[in-house]
Amino acid sequence: MANRMLLIEDEDDLRTLLEEYLKDNGLSVTSFASADKALPFWRDHADEIDLVLTDMRMPGTIDGIGLARAVRRREGHQPSIVMISGFEPPPRQMLQELGITEFISKPFRISELSRLCAAKMRG
């Protein structure tokens, strides 16, 4: 396992806070402000990513749902996908079909999210 996490969150302050907290807790994190920016990185480094933590709704042509679809279309190594959002979650069946293992509603405790991420990366 590569033990690397991809974080996609359009709220700058939250993304910075999450990235710093997760790194301070020993996780390797690469972050982006949009799925549009994250997807090319994902395509180039997919085998190195064990966890995708993404916001559900973001500006741009791809949202968190679209990113999850793109991740699942790739054959081979499949990371865990955790989605965060301040909006109502999609139906459970859709989350399962997309392989989204957890849906976390905002606001959340960063310490709890960090523990969840660490557990997902350990397998």
Protein backbone atom coordinates (compact mmCIF):
# COMPACT_ATOMS: atom_id res chain seq x y z
CA MET A 1 0.00 0.00 0.00
CA ALA A 2 1.15 3.49 -0.81
CA ASN A 3 -0.55 5.17 2.18
CA ARG A 4 -1.20 8.35 0.25
CA MET A 5 -4.41 10.32 0.40
CA LEU A 6 -6.01 12.61 -2.17
CA LEU A 7 -8.05 15.45 -0.59
CA ILE A 8 -10.45 17.51 -2.71
CA GLU A 9 -12.25 20.39 -0.99
CA ASP A 10 -13.20 23.73 -2.58
CA GLU A 11 -13.37 25.69 0.70
CA ASP A 12 -9.79 26.98 1.05
CA ASP A 13 -9.79 27.34 4.84
CA LEU A 14 -11.26 23.88 5.42
CA ARG A 15 -8.92 22.26 2.88
CA THR A 16 -5.86 23.87 4.50
CA LEU A 17 -7.02 22.93 8.00
CA LEU A 18 -7.74 19.32 6.99
CA GLU A 19 -4.48 18.94 5.11
CA GLU A 20 -2.39 20.30 7.99
CA TYR A 21 -4.22 18.24 10.62
CA LEU A 22 -3.99 15.02 8.62
CA LYS A 23 -0.30 15.57 7.87
CA ASP A 24 0.39 16.37 11.54
CA ASN A 25 -1.20 12.99 12.32
CA GLY A 26 1.17 11.13 10.03
CA LEU A 27 -0.86 10.88 6.82
CA SER A 28 0.57 11.66 3.39
CA VAL A 29 -1.87 14.12 1.77
CA THR A 30 -2.04 15.76 -1.66
CA SER A 31 -4.85 18.32 -1.91
CA PHE A 32 -6.73 20.14 -4.63
CA ALA A 33 -9.44 22.83 -4.67
CA SER A 34 -11.49 21.08 -7.36
CA ALA A 35 -12.11 17.69 -8.89
CA ASP A 36 -11.17 19.22 -12.26
CA LYS A 37 -7.65 19.78 -10.92
CA ALA A 38 -7.48 16.51 -8.99
CA LEU A 39 -8.52 14.18 -11.81
CA PRO A 40 -5.37 14.58 -13.96
CA PHE A 41 -3.23 13.98 -10.87
CA TRP A 42 -5.32 10.92 -10.04
CA ARG A 43 -4.83 9.52 -13.54
CA ASP A 44 -1.05 9.92 -13.27
CA HIS A 45 -0.74 8.58 -9.70
CA ALA A 46 -3.71 6.22 -9.22
CA ASP A 47 -1.63 3.30 -8.01
CA GLU A 48 -0.14 5.49 -5.27
CA ILE A 49 -3.49 6.62 -3.79
CA ASP A 50 -5.17 4.54 -1.07
CA LEU A 51 -7.85 7.03 -0.02
CA VAL A 52 -9.82 9.73 -1.81
CA LEU A 53 -11.48 12.23 0.54
CA THR A 54 -13.70 14.48 -1.53
CA ASP A 55 -16.34 17.12 -1.07
CA MET A 56 -19.59 16.24 -2.83
CA ARG A 57 -20.42 19.61 -4.38
CA MET A 58 -17.74 21.80 -5.91
CA PRO A 59 -17.54 24.35 -8.69
CA GLY A 60 -16.22 23.17 -12.03
CA THR A 61 -17.19 20.56 -14.58
CA ILE A 62 -16.70 17.60 -12.19
CA ASP A 63 -18.11 17.28 -8.67
CA GLY A 64 -17.34 14.66 -6.04
CA ILE A 65 -19.83 12.20 -7.55
CA GLY A 66 -18.21 12.56 -10.98
CA LEU A 67 -14.78 12.08 -9.45
CA ALA A 68 -15.93 8.91 -7.66
CA ARG A 69 -17.27 7.58 -10.99
CA ALA A 70 -13.94 8.28 -12.69
CA VAL A 71 -12.01 6.57 -9.89
CA ARG A 72 -14.21 3.47 -10.05
CA ARG A 73 -13.97 3.21 -13.86
CA ARG A 74 -10.23 2.60 -13.64
CA GLU A 75 -9.18 -1.03 -13.46
CA GLY A 76 -6.61 -2.20 -10.98
CA HIS A 77 -5.89 -0.68 -7.57
CA GLN A 78 -9.05 0.83 -6.05
CA PRO A 79 -8.78 3.29 -3.16
CA SER A 80 -11.35 3.84 -0.45
CA ILE A 81 -13.56 6.85 -1.17
CA VAL A 82 -14.89 9.02 1.65
CA MET A 83 -17.28 11.84 0.74
CA ILE A 84 -17.96 14.94 2.85
CA SER A 85 -20.76 17.45 2.35
CA GLY A 86 -22.97 20.00 3.98
CA PHE A 87 -25.83 18.81 1.76
CA GLU A 88 -28.18 15.86 1.96
CA PRO A 89 -26.38 12.63 1.06
CA PRO A 90 -27.25 10.83 -2.16
CA PRO A 91 -29.32 7.65 -1.82
CA ARG A 92 -27.42 4.80 -0.11
CA GLN A 93 -27.67 2.65 -3.25
CA MET A 94 -25.89 5.33 -5.30
CA LEU A 95 -23.13 5.59 -2.69
CA GLN A 96 -22.70 1.81 -2.79
CA GLU A 97 -22.63 1.71 -6.60
CA LEU A 98 -19.94 4.40 -6.60
CA GLY A 99 -17.93 2.54 -3.99
CA ILE A 100 -18.16 5.42 -1.52
CA THR A 101 -17.38 3.72 1.77
CA GLU A 102 -18.33 6.60 4.08
CA PHE A 103 -20.41 9.78 3.84
CA ILE A 104 -19.56 12.41 6.45
CA SER A 105 -21.91 15.36 6.99
CA LYS A 106 -20.52 18.82 7.68
CA PRO A 107 -19.91 20.02 10.28
CA PHE A 108 -17.73 17.19 11.55
CA ARG A 109 -14.96 16.75 14.10
CA ILE A 110 -11.61 16.80 12.37
CA SER A 111 -10.16 14.40 14.93
CA GLU A 112 -12.85 11.81 14.11
CA LEU A 113 -12.34 12.28 10.38
CA SER A 114 -8.59 11.87 10.85
CA ARG A 115 -9.09 8.58 12.72
CA LEU A 116 -11.43 7.34 10.00
CA CYS A 117 -8.94 8.27 7.27
CA ALA A 118 -6.08 6.57 9.09
CA ALA A 119 -8.17 3.41 9.51
CA LYS A 120 -9.17 3.40 5.82
CA MET A 121 -5.55 3.79 4.74
CA ARG A 122 -4.47 0.89 6.94
CA GLY A 123 -6.97 -1.25 5.09
